[in-house]
Amino acid sequence: MNATSPEFEAECRTLLDRYFASHPDAMMHKRAHKALRMLWGSETPVKGNANGWAAGIIYAVGTYDRPPVGVPGVLNSEFEKLMGVSMGAARRRAAAIRELLML
């Protein structure tokens, strides 16, 4: 799916909201939605599934000011199950997001 499509953005938004419903963090939630808007508005086309990109956004904003060793307060296995992607995929997408958004 192309990240510039409205369906991609809606699916990512749904996944982000589902994550933050089970792991509330208002500041991180706000940053995640801002990152999604920036990603969606980016001139660089991104391909892939929304699960991977949503997980990458959470990982990127959750670790932007600390060592990237996992999403704070969440076990890797729990994060994988909730987001439907491996931690490796989340880390790869987070690295791409950091590069695209210069986080």
PDB file of N, CA and C in Angstrom:
ATOM      1  N   MET A   1       0.854  -1.176   0.000  1.00  0.00           N
ATOM      2  CA  MET A   1       0.000   0.000   0.000  1.00  0.00           C
ATOM      3  C   MET A   1       0.896   1.234   0.000  1.00  0.00           C
ATOM      4  N   ASN A   2       0.474   2.258  -0.680  1.00  0.00           N
ATOM      5  CA  ASN A   2       1.220   3.499  -0.750  1.00  0.00           C
ATOM      6  C   ASN A   2       0.820   4.391   0.420  1.00  0.00           C
ATOM      7  N   ALA A   3       1.814   4.956   1.088  1.00  0.00           N
ATOM      8  CA  ALA A   3       1.548   5.770   2.278  1.00  0.00           C
ATOM      9  C   ALA A   3       0.867   7.082   1.953  1.00  0.00           C
ATOM     10  N   THR A   4       0.777   7.435   0.680  1.00  0.00           N
ATOM     11  CA  THR A   4       0.102   8.675   0.340  1.00  0.00           C
ATOM     12  C   THR A   4      -1.396   8.465   0.139  1.00  0.00           C
ATOM     13  N   SER A   5      -1.868   7.240   0.268  1.00  0.00           N
ATOM     14  CA  SER A   5      -3.295   6.985   0.087  1.00  0.00           C
ATOM     15  C   SER A   5      -4.059   7.272   1.379  1.00  0.00           C
ATOM     16  N   PRO A   6      -5.286   7.761   1.251  1.00  0.00           N
ATOM     17  CA  PRO A   6      -6.103   8.016   2.445  1.00  0.00           C
ATOM     18  C   PRO A   6      -6.367   6.746   3.255  1.00  0.00           C
ATOM     19  N   GLU A   7      -6.448   5.597   2.579  1.00  0.00           N
ATOM     20  CA  GLU A   7      -6.679   4.330   3.284  1.00  0.00           C
ATOM     21  C   GLU A   7      -5.509   3.996   4.202  1.00  0.00           C
ATOM     22  N   PHE A   8      -4.289   4.235   3.711  1.00  0.00           N
ATOM     23  CA  PHE A   8      -3.092   3.978   4.512  1.00  0.00           C
ATOM     24  C   PHE A   8      -3.117   4.838   5.767  1.00  0.00           C
ATOM     25  N   GLU A   9      -3.372   6.123   5.595  1.00  0.00           N
ATOM     26  CA  GLU A   9      -3.384   7.031   6.727  1.00  0.00           C
ATOM     27  C   GLU A   9      -4.461   6.642   7.727  1.00  0.00           C
ATOM     28  N   ALA A  10      -5.638   6.291   7.247  1.00  0.00           N
ATOM     29  CA  ALA A  10      -6.741   5.899   8.144  1.00  0.00           C
ATOM     30  C   ALA A  10      -6.403   4.621   8.901  1.00  0.00           C
ATOM     31  N   GLU A  11      -5.806   3.655   8.209  1.00  0.00           N
ATOM     32  CA  GLU A  11      -5.440   2.407   8.874  1.00  0.00           C
ATOM     33  C   GLU A  11      -4.350   2.639   9.913  1.00  0.00           C
ATOM     34  N   CYS A  12      -3.344   3.455   9.588  1.00  0.00           N
ATOM     35  CA  CYS A  12      -2.289   3.779  10.563  1.00  0.00           C
ATOM     36  C   CYS A  12      -2.882   4.489  11.774  1.00  0.00           C
ATOM     37  N   ARG A  13      -3.763   5.431  11.525  1.00  0.00           N
ATOM     38  CA  ARG A  13      -4.394   6.184  12.623  1.00  0.00           C
ATOM     39  C   ARG A  13      -5.165   5.234  13.541  1.00  0.00           C
ATOM     40  N   THR A  14      -5.883   4.288  12.955  1.00  0.00           N
ATOM     41  CA  THR A  14      -6.631   3.298  13.732  1.00  0.00           C
ATOM     42  C   THR A  14      -5.690   2.449  14.573  1.00  0.00           C
ATOM     43  N   LEU A  15      -4.579   2.006  13.973  1.00  0.00           N
ATOM     44  CA  LEU A  15      -3.601   1.187  14.702  1.00  0.00           C
ATOM     45  C   LEU A  15      -2.951   1.979  15.828  1.00  0.00           C
ATOM     46  N   LEU A  16      -2.617   3.235  15.576  1.00  0.00           N
ATOM     47  CA  LEU A  16      -2.030   4.074  16.626  1.00  0.00           C
ATOM     48  C   LEU A  16      -3.028   4.263  17.770  1.00  0.00           C
ATOM     49  N   ASP A  17      -4.271   4.560  17.432  1.00  0.00           N
ATOM     50  CA  ASP A  17      -5.284   4.761  18.470  1.00  0.00           C
ATOM     51  C   ASP A  17      -5.518   3.483  19.277  1.00  0.00           C
ATOM     52  N   ARG A  18      -5.491   2.328  18.607  1.00  0.00           N
ATOM     53  CA  ARG A  18      -5.658   1.054  19.309  1.00  0.00           C
ATOM     54  C   ARG A  18      -4.498   0.824  20.282  1.00  0.00           C
ATOM     55  N   TYR A  19      -3.282   1.117  19.834  1.00  0.00           N
ATOM     56  CA  TYR A  19      -2.119   0.953  20.711  1.00  0.00           C
ATOM     57  C   TYR A  19      -2.255   1.864  21.939  1.00  0.00           C
ATOM     58  N   PHE A  20      -2.556   3.134  21.706  1.00  0.00           N
ATOM     59  CA  PHE A  20      -2.610   4.079  22.828  1.00  0.00           C
ATOM     60  C   PHE A  20      -3.842   3.892  23.709  1.00  0.00           C
ATOM     61  N   ALA A  21      -4.849   3.206  23.227  1.00  0.00           N
ATOM     62  CA  ALA A  21      -5.983   2.860  24.084  1.00  0.00           C
ATOM     63  C   ALA A  21      -5.557   1.845  25.134  1.00  0.00           C
ATOM     64  N   SER A  22      -4.637   0.942  24.760  1.00  0.00           N
ATOM     65  CA  SER A  22      -4.184  -0.066  25.716  1.00  0.00           C
ATOM     66  C   SER A  22      -2.925   0.359  26.469  1.00  0.00           C
ATOM     67  N   HIS A  23      -2.203   1.359  25.968  1.00  0.00           N
ATOM     68  CA  HIS A  23      -0.983   1.867  26.617  1.00  0.00           C
ATOM     69  C   HIS A  23      -1.007   3.395  26.591  1.00  0.00           C
ATOM     70  N   PRO A  24      -1.830   4.007  27.433  1.00  0.00           N
ATOM     71  CA  PRO A  24      -1.994   5.464  27.393  1.00  0.00           C
ATOM     72  C   PRO A  24      -0.698   6.225  27.683  1.00  0.00           C
ATOM     73  N   ASP A  25      -0.417   7.180  26.838  1.00  0.00           N
ATOM     74  CA  ASP A  25       0.696   8.110  27.000  1.00  0.00           C
ATOM     75  C   ASP A  25       0.360   9.291  26.097  1.00  0.00           C
ATOM     76  N   ALA A  26      -0.234  10.338  26.678  1.00  0.00           N
ATOM     77  CA  ALA A  26      -0.762  11.451  25.892  1.00  0.00           C
ATOM     78  C   ALA A  26       0.299  12.125  25.031  1.00  0.00           C
ATOM     79  N   MET A  27       1.491  12.342  25.577  1.00  0.00           N
ATOM     80  CA  MET A  27       2.542  13.022  24.818  1.00  0.00           C
ATOM     81  C   MET A  27       3.012  12.156  23.651  1.00  0.00           C
ATOM     82  N   MET A  28       3.242  10.885  23.911  1.00  0.00           N
ATOM     83  CA  MET A  28       3.688   9.986  22.853  1.00  0.00           C
ATOM     84  C   MET A  28       2.605   9.835  21.790  1.00  0.00           C
ATOM     85  N   HIS A  29       1.344   9.790  22.211  1.00  0.00           N
ATOM     86  CA  HIS A  29       0.210   9.687  21.287  1.00  0.00           C
ATOM     87  C   HIS A  29       0.198  10.901  20.351  1.00  0.00           C
ATOM     88  N   LYS A  30       0.358  12.070  20.927  1.00  0.00           N
ATOM     89  CA  LYS A  30       0.385  13.306  20.141  1.00  0.00           C
ATOM     90  C   LYS A  30       1.548  13.287  19.150  1.00  0.00           C
ATOM     91  N   ARG A  31       2.708  12.874  19.610  1.00  0.00           N
ATOM     92  CA  ARG A  31       3.884  12.810  18.732  1.00  0.00           C
ATOM     93  C   ARG A  31       3.701  11.785  17.617  1.00  0.00           C
ATOM     94  N   ALA A  32       3.063  10.678  17.938  1.00  0.00           N
ATOM     95  CA  ALA A  32       2.842   9.634  16.934  1.00  0.00           C
ATOM     96  C   ALA A  32       1.930  10.144  15.824  1.00  0.00           C
ATOM     97  N   HIS A  33       0.874  10.837  16.184  1.00  0.00           N
ATOM     98  CA  HIS A  33      -0.028  11.365  15.159  1.00  0.00           C
ATOM     99  C   HIS A  33       0.652  12.471  14.348  1.00  0.00           C
ATOM    100  N   LYS A  34       1.497  13.241  14.988  1.00  0.00           N
ATOM    101  CA  LYS A  34       2.251  14.263  14.247  1.00  0.00           C
ATOM    102  C   LYS A  34       3.213  13.592  13.265  1.00  0.00           C
ATOM    103  N   ALA A  35       3.884  12.548  13.704  1.00  0.00           N
ATOM    104  CA  ALA A  35       4.790  11.814  12.815  1.00  0.00           C
ATOM    105  C   ALA A  35       4.029  11.214  11.641  1.00  0.00           C
ATOM    106  N   LEU A  36       2.826  10.694  11.900  1.00  0.00           N
ATOM    107  CA  LEU A  36       2.009  10.138  10.817  1.00  0.00           C
ATOM    108  C   LEU A  36       1.651  11.228   9.808  1.00  0.00           C
ATOM    109  N   ARG A  37       1.245  12.390  10.290  1.00  0.00           N
ATOM    110  CA  ARG A  37       0.920  13.486   9.372  1.00  0.00           C
ATOM    111  C   ARG A  37       2.132  13.887   8.544  1.00  0.00           C
ATOM    112  N   MET A  38       3.296  13.928   9.189  1.00  0.00           N
ATOM    113  CA  MET A  38       4.520  14.290   8.474  1.00  0.00           C
ATOM    114  C   MET A  38       4.894  13.207   7.463  1.00  0.00           C
ATOM    115  N   LEU A  39       4.747  11.956   7.844  1.00  0.00           N
ATOM    116  CA  LEU A  39       5.037  10.847   6.937  1.00  0.00           C
ATOM    117  C   LEU A  39       4.085  10.874   5.750  1.00  0.00           C
ATOM    118  N   TRP A  40       2.814  11.090   6.033  1.00  0.00           N
ATOM    119  CA  TRP A  40       1.801  11.115   4.991  1.00  0.00           C
ATOM    120  C   TRP A  40       2.036  12.277   4.030  1.00  0.00           C
ATOM    121  N   GLY A  41       2.522  13.408   4.553  1.00  0.00           N
ATOM    122  CA  GLY A  41       2.785  14.580   3.724  1.00  0.00           C
ATOM    123  C   GLY A  41       4.150  14.584   3.077  1.00  0.00           C
ATOM    124  N   SER A  42       4.955  13.583   3.353  1.00  0.00           N
ATOM    125  CA  SER A  42       6.312  13.512   2.820  1.00  0.00           C
ATOM    126  C   SER A  42       6.303  13.333   1.306  1.00  0.00           C
ATOM    127  N   GLU A  43       7.275  13.941   0.648  1.00  0.00           N
ATOM    128  CA  GLU A  43       7.409  13.779  -0.794  1.00  0.00           C
ATOM    129  C   GLU A  43       7.996  12.427  -1.160  1.00  0.00           C
ATOM    130  N   THR A  44       8.658  11.781  -0.207  1.00  0.00           N
ATOM    131  CA  THR A  44       9.253  10.478  -0.447  1.00  0.00           C
ATOM    132  C   THR A  44       8.179   9.408  -0.333  1.00  0.00           C
ATOM    133  N   PRO A  45       7.921   8.678  -1.406  1.00  0.00           N
ATOM    134  CA  PRO A  45       6.895   7.630  -1.326  1.00  0.00           C
ATOM    135  C   PRO A  45       7.381   6.454  -0.485  1.00  0.00           C
ATOM    136  N   VAL A  46       6.521   5.969   0.363  1.00  0.00           N
ATOM    137  CA  VAL A  46       6.846   4.794   1.167  1.00  0.00           C
ATOM    138  C   VAL A  46       5.855   3.693   0.842  1.00  0.00           C
ATOM    139  N   LYS A  47       6.343   2.502   0.794  1.00  0.00           N
ATOM    140  CA  LYS A  47       5.509   1.344   0.473  1.00  0.00           C
ATOM    141  C   LYS A  47       5.514   0.395   1.661  1.00  0.00           C
ATOM    142  N   GLY A  48       4.508  -0.426   1.751  1.00  0.00           N
ATOM    143  CA  GLY A  48       4.437  -1.432   2.800  1.00  0.00           C
ATOM    144  C   GLY A  48       3.099  -1.393   3.500  1.00  0.00           C
ATOM    145  N   ASN A  49       2.971  -2.268   4.494  1.00  0.00           N
ATOM    146  CA  ASN A  49       1.683  -2.327   5.186  1.00  0.00           C
ATOM    147  C   ASN A  49       1.615  -1.322   6.332  1.00  0.00           C
ATOM    148  N   ALA A  50       0.420  -0.939   6.653  1.00  0.00           N
ATOM    149  CA  ALA A  50       0.202   0.067   7.692  1.00  0.00           C
ATOM    150  C   ALA A  50       0.662  -0.427   9.062  1.00  0.00           C
ATOM    151  N   ASN A  51       0.555  -1.736   9.315  1.00  0.00           N
ATOM    152  CA  ASN A  51       0.986  -2.272  10.616  1.00  0.00           C
ATOM    153  C   ASN A  51       2.460  -1.961  10.857  1.00  0.00           C
ATOM    154  N   GLY A  52       3.278  -2.210   9.861  1.00  0.00           N
ATOM    155  CA  GLY A  52       4.711  -1.965   9.998  1.00  0.00           C
ATOM    156  C   GLY A  52       5.029  -0.504  10.220  1.00  0.00           C
ATOM    157  N   TRP A  53       4.359   0.365   9.454  1.00  0.00           N
ATOM    158  CA  TRP A  53       4.619   1.796   9.597  1.00  0.00           C
ATOM    159  C   TRP A  53       4.084   2.333  10.919  1.00  0.00           C
ATOM    160  N   ALA A  54       2.919   1.885  11.355  1.00  0.00           N
ATOM    161  CA  ALA A  54       2.377   2.330  12.646  1.00  0.00           C
ATOM    162  C   ALA A  54       3.305   1.880  13.780  1.00  0.00           C
ATOM    163  N   ALA A  55       3.765   0.636  13.717  1.00  0.00           N
ATOM    164  CA  ALA A  55       4.703   0.133  14.732  1.00  0.00           C
ATOM    165  C   ALA A  55       5.991   0.936  14.702  1.00  0.00           C
ATOM    166  N   GLY A  56       6.465   1.252  13.502  1.00  0.00           N
ATOM    167  CA  GLY A  56       7.683   2.053  13.367  1.00  0.00           C
ATOM    168  C   GLY A  56       7.521   3.446  13.937  1.00  0.00           C
ATOM    169  N   ILE A  57       6.356   4.038  13.733  1.00  0.00           N
ATOM    170  CA  ILE A  57       6.090   5.367  14.291  1.00  0.00           C
ATOM    171  C   ILE A  57       6.138   5.304  15.812  1.00  0.00           C
ATOM    172  N   ILE A  58       5.471   4.327  16.397  1.00  0.00           N
ATOM    173  CA  ILE A  58       5.467   4.202  17.858  1.00  0.00           C
ATOM    174  C   ILE A  58       6.877   3.981  18.378  1.00  0.00           C
ATOM    175  N   TYR A  59       7.617   3.097  17.719  1.00  0.00           N
ATOM    176  CA  TYR A  59       8.998   2.823  18.136  1.00  0.00           C
ATOM    177  C   TYR A  59       9.853   4.081  18.005  1.00  0.00           C
ATOM    178  N   ALA A  60       9.711   4.798  16.897  1.00  0.00           N
ATOM    179  CA  ALA A  60      10.523   6.004  16.670  1.00  0.00           C
ATOM    180  C   ALA A  60      10.225   7.092  17.699  1.00  0.00           C
ATOM    181  N   VAL A  61       8.952   7.375  17.942  1.00  0.00           N
ATOM    182  CA  VAL A  61       8.635   8.439  18.897  1.00  0.00           C
ATOM    183  C   VAL A  61       8.856   7.991  20.334  1.00  0.00           C
ATOM    184  N   GLY A  62       8.771   6.700  20.583  1.00  0.00           N
ATOM    185  CA  GLY A  62       9.002   6.190  21.933  1.00  0.00           C
ATOM    186  C   GLY A  62      10.461   6.144  22.323  1.00  0.00           C
ATOM    187  N   THR A  63      11.332   6.176  21.334  1.00  0.00           N
ATOM    188  CA  THR A  63      12.766   6.074  21.615  1.00  0.00           C
ATOM    189  C   THR A  63      13.552   7.274  21.093  1.00  0.00           C
ATOM    190  N   TYR A  64      12.884   8.344  20.709  1.00  0.00           N
ATOM    191  CA  TYR A  64      13.605   9.460  20.105  1.00  0.00           C
ATOM    192  C   TYR A  64      14.557  10.145  21.087  1.00  0.00           C
ATOM    193  N   ASP A  65      14.253  10.125  22.370  1.00  0.00           N
ATOM    194  CA  ASP A  65      15.109  10.793  23.347  1.00  0.00           C
ATOM    195  C   ASP A  65      15.771   9.818  24.327  1.00  0.00           C
ATOM    196  N   ARG A  66      15.784   8.552  23.964  1.00  0.00           N
ATOM    197  CA  ARG A  66      16.427   7.530  24.793  1.00  0.00           C
ATOM    198  C   ARG A  66      16.985   6.459  23.875  1.00  0.00           C
ATOM    199  N   PRO A  67      17.834   5.588  24.402  1.00  0.00           N
ATOM    200  CA  PRO A  67      18.405   4.532  23.549  1.00  0.00           C
ATOM    201  C   PRO A  67      17.304   3.661  22.937  1.00  0.00           C
ATOM    202  N   PRO A  68      17.414   3.349  21.641  1.00  0.00           N
ATOM    203  CA  PRO A  68      16.378   2.542  20.982  1.00  0.00           C
ATOM    204  C   PRO A  68      16.465   1.067  21.346  1.00  0.00           C
ATOM    205  N   VAL A  69      15.956   0.734  22.516  1.00  0.00           N
ATOM    206  CA  VAL A  69      16.016  -0.660  22.976  1.00  0.00           C
ATOM    207  C   VAL A  69      14.628  -1.256  23.172  1.00  0.00           C
ATOM    208  N   GLY A  70      13.630  -0.643  22.594  1.00  0.00           N
ATOM    209  CA  GLY A  70      12.260  -1.132  22.712  1.00  0.00           C
ATOM    210  C   GLY A  70      11.322  -0.017  23.090  1.00  0.00           C
ATOM    211  N   VAL A  71      10.064  -0.280  22.936  1.00  0.00           N
ATOM    212  CA  VAL A  71       9.050   0.711  23.283  1.00  0.00           C
ATOM    213  C   VAL A  71       8.946   0.761  24.801  1.00  0.00           C
ATOM    214  N   PRO A  72       9.057   1.941  25.395  1.00  0.00           N
ATOM    215  CA  PRO A  72       9.025   2.062  26.855  1.00  0.00           C
ATOM    216  C   PRO A  72       7.755   1.482  27.468  1.00  0.00           C
ATOM    217  N   GLY A  73       7.941   0.651  28.484  1.00  0.00           N
ATOM    218  CA  GLY A  73       6.820   0.106  29.246  1.00  0.00           C
ATOM    219  C   GLY A  73       6.071  -1.039  28.596  1.00  0.00           C
ATOM    220  N   VAL A  74       6.596  -1.567  27.486  1.00  0.00           N
ATOM    221  CA  VAL A  74       5.908  -2.639  26.768  1.00  0.00           C
ATOM    222  C   VAL A  74       6.917  -3.738  26.436  1.00  0.00           C
ATOM    223  N   LEU A  75       6.553  -4.968  26.741  1.00  0.00           N
ATOM    224  CA  LEU A  75       7.406  -6.090  26.350  1.00  0.00           C
ATOM    225  C   LEU A  75       7.415  -6.218  24.829  1.00  0.00           C
ATOM    226  N   ASN A  76       8.565  -6.583  24.277  1.00  0.00           N
ATOM    227  CA  ASN A  76       8.660  -6.747  22.828  1.00  0.00           C
ATOM    228  C   ASN A  76       7.611  -7.723  22.308  1.00  0.00           C
ATOM    229  N   SER A  77       7.420  -8.835  23.010  1.00  0.00           N
ATOM    230  CA  SER A  77       6.445  -9.835  22.557  1.00  0.00           C
ATOM    231  C   SER A  77       5.027  -9.270  22.568  1.00  0.00           C
ATOM    232  N   GLU A  78       4.707  -8.466  23.564  1.00  0.00           N
ATOM    233  CA  GLU A  78       3.389  -7.833  23.647  1.00  0.00           C
ATOM    234  C   GLU A  78       3.208  -6.826  22.499  1.00  0.00           C
ATOM    235  N   PHE A  79       4.260  -6.060  22.227  1.00  0.00           N
ATOM    236  CA  PHE A  79       4.214  -5.075  21.147  1.00  0.00           C
ATOM    237  C   PHE A  79       4.023  -5.766  19.799  1.00  0.00           C
ATOM    238  N   GLU A  80       4.756  -6.839  19.574  1.00  0.00           N
ATOM    239  CA  GLU A  80       4.627  -7.596  18.318  1.00  0.00           C
ATOM    240  C   GLU A  80       3.206  -8.109  18.131  1.00  0.00           C
ATOM    241  N   LYS A  81       2.645  -8.664  19.183  1.00  0.00           N
ATOM    242  CA  LYS A  81       1.291  -9.216  19.110  1.00  0.00           C
ATOM    243  C   LYS A  81       0.259  -8.119  18.847  1.00  0.00           C
ATOM    244  N   LEU A  82       0.377  -7.015  19.546  1.00  0.00           N
ATOM    245  CA  LEU A  82      -0.577  -5.920  19.412  1.00  0.00           C
ATOM    246  C   LEU A  82      -0.513  -5.275  18.032  1.00  0.00           C
ATOM    247  N   MET A  83       0.706  -5.101  17.501  1.00  0.00           N
ATOM    248  CA  MET A  83       0.866  -4.405  16.225  1.00  0.00           C
ATOM    249  C   MET A  83       0.847  -5.342  15.013  1.00  0.00           C
ATOM    250  N   GLY A  84       1.039  -6.621  15.239  1.00  0.00           N
ATOM    251  CA  GLY A  84       0.995  -7.574  14.138  1.00  0.00           C
ATOM    252  C   GLY A  84       2.238  -7.591  13.267  1.00  0.00           C
ATOM    253  N   VAL A  85       3.367  -7.171  13.829  1.00  0.00           N
ATOM    254  CA  VAL A  85       4.646  -7.188  13.106  1.00  0.00           C
ATOM    255  C   VAL A  85       5.762  -7.594  14.059  1.00  0.00           C
ATOM    256  N   SER A  86       6.869  -8.019  13.498  1.00  0.00           N
ATOM    257  CA  SER A  86       8.021  -8.376  14.321  1.00  0.00           C
ATOM    258  C   SER A  86       8.732  -7.108  14.798  1.00  0.00           C
ATOM    259  N   MET A  87       9.509  -7.233  15.843  1.00  0.00           N
ATOM    260  CA  MET A  87      10.292  -6.098  16.330  1.00  0.00           C
ATOM    261  C   MET A  87      11.307  -5.668  15.280  1.00  0.00           C
ATOM    262  N   GLY A  88      11.819  -6.625  14.526  1.00  0.00           N
ATOM    263  CA  GLY A  88      12.759  -6.287  13.457  1.00  0.00           C
ATOM    264  C   GLY A  88      12.110  -5.361  12.436  1.00  0.00           C
ATOM    265  N   ALA A  89      10.883  -5.668  12.060  1.00  0.00           N
ATOM    266  CA  ALA A  89      10.157  -4.818  11.112  1.00  0.00           C
ATOM    267  C   ALA A  89       9.896  -3.447  11.721  1.00  0.00           C
ATOM    268  N   ALA A  90       9.503  -3.407  12.985  1.00  0.00           N
ATOM    269  CA  ALA A  90       9.251  -2.125  13.656  1.00  0.00           C
ATOM    270  C   ALA A  90      10.526  -1.291  13.707  1.00  0.00           C
ATOM    271  N   ARG A  91      11.648  -1.919  14.008  1.00  0.00           N
ATOM    272  CA  ARG A  91      12.927  -1.190  14.058  1.00  0.00           C
ATOM    273  C   ARG A  91      13.322  -0.653  12.688  1.00  0.00           C
ATOM    274  N   ARG A  92      13.127  -1.472  11.641  1.00  0.00           N
ATOM    275  CA  ARG A  92      13.458  -1.016  10.282  1.00  0.00           C
ATOM    276  C   ARG A  92      12.597   0.175   9.884  1.00  0.00           C
ATOM    277  N   ARG A  93      11.310   0.093  10.159  1.00  0.00           N
ATOM    278  CA  ARG A  93      10.413   1.207   9.831  1.00  0.00           C
ATOM    279  C   ARG A  93      10.749   2.438  10.672  1.00  0.00           C
ATOM    280  N   ALA A  94      11.093   2.239  11.939  1.00  0.00           N
ATOM    281  CA  ALA A  94      11.464   3.368  12.798  1.00  0.00           C
ATOM    282  C   ALA A  94      12.710   4.064  12.251  1.00  0.00           C
ATOM    283  N   ALA A  95      13.676   3.299  11.789  1.00  0.00           N
ATOM    284  CA  ALA A  95      14.888   3.888  11.211  1.00  0.00           C
ATOM    285  C   ALA A  95      14.539   4.696   9.961  1.00  0.00           C
ATOM    286  N   ALA A  96      13.651   4.152   9.130  1.00  0.00           N
ATOM    287  CA  ALA A  96      13.227   4.873   7.928  1.00  0.00           C
ATOM    288  C   ALA A  96      12.479   6.151   8.297  1.00  0.00           C
ATOM    289  N   ILE A  97      11.648   6.083   9.321  1.00  0.00           N
ATOM    290  CA  ILE A  97      10.890   7.256   9.769  1.00  0.00           C
ATOM    291  C   ILE A  97      11.834   8.314  10.310  1.00  0.00           C
ATOM    292  N   ARG A  98      12.792   7.908  11.118  1.00  0.00           N
ATOM    293  CA  ARG A  98      13.769   8.863  11.646  1.00  0.00           C
ATOM    294  C   ARG A  98      14.498   9.559  10.505  1.00  0.00           C
ATOM    295  N   GLU A  99      14.871   8.805   9.495  1.00  0.00           N
ATOM    296  CA  GLU A  99      15.578   9.380   8.349  1.00  0.00           C
ATOM    297  C   GLU A  99      14.658  10.322   7.560  1.00  0.00           C
ATOM    298  N   LEU A 100      13.450   9.886   7.283  1.00  0.00           N
ATOM    299  CA  LEU A 100      12.511  10.724   6.531  1.00  0.00           C
ATOM    300  C   LEU A 100      12.148  12.002   7.276  1.00  0.00           C
ATOM    301  N   LEU A 101      11.939  11.878   8.568  1.00  0.00           N
ATOM    302  CA  LEU A 101      11.474  13.017   9.367  1.00  0.00           C
ATOM    303  C   LEU A 101      12.595  13.702  10.119  1.00  0.00           C
ATOM    304  N   MET A 102      13.799  13.182   9.985  1.00  0.00           N
ATOM    305  CA  MET A 102      14.978  13.702  10.663  1.00  0.00           C
ATOM    306  C   MET A 102      14.778  13.837  12.158  1.00  0.00           C
ATOM    307  N   LEU A 103      14.284  12.751  12.771  1.00  0.00           N
ATOM    308  CA  LEU A 103      14.091  12.722  14.236  1.00  0.00           C
ATOM    309  C   LEU A 103      15.417  12.427  14.914  1.00  0.00           C
TER     310      LEU A 103
END
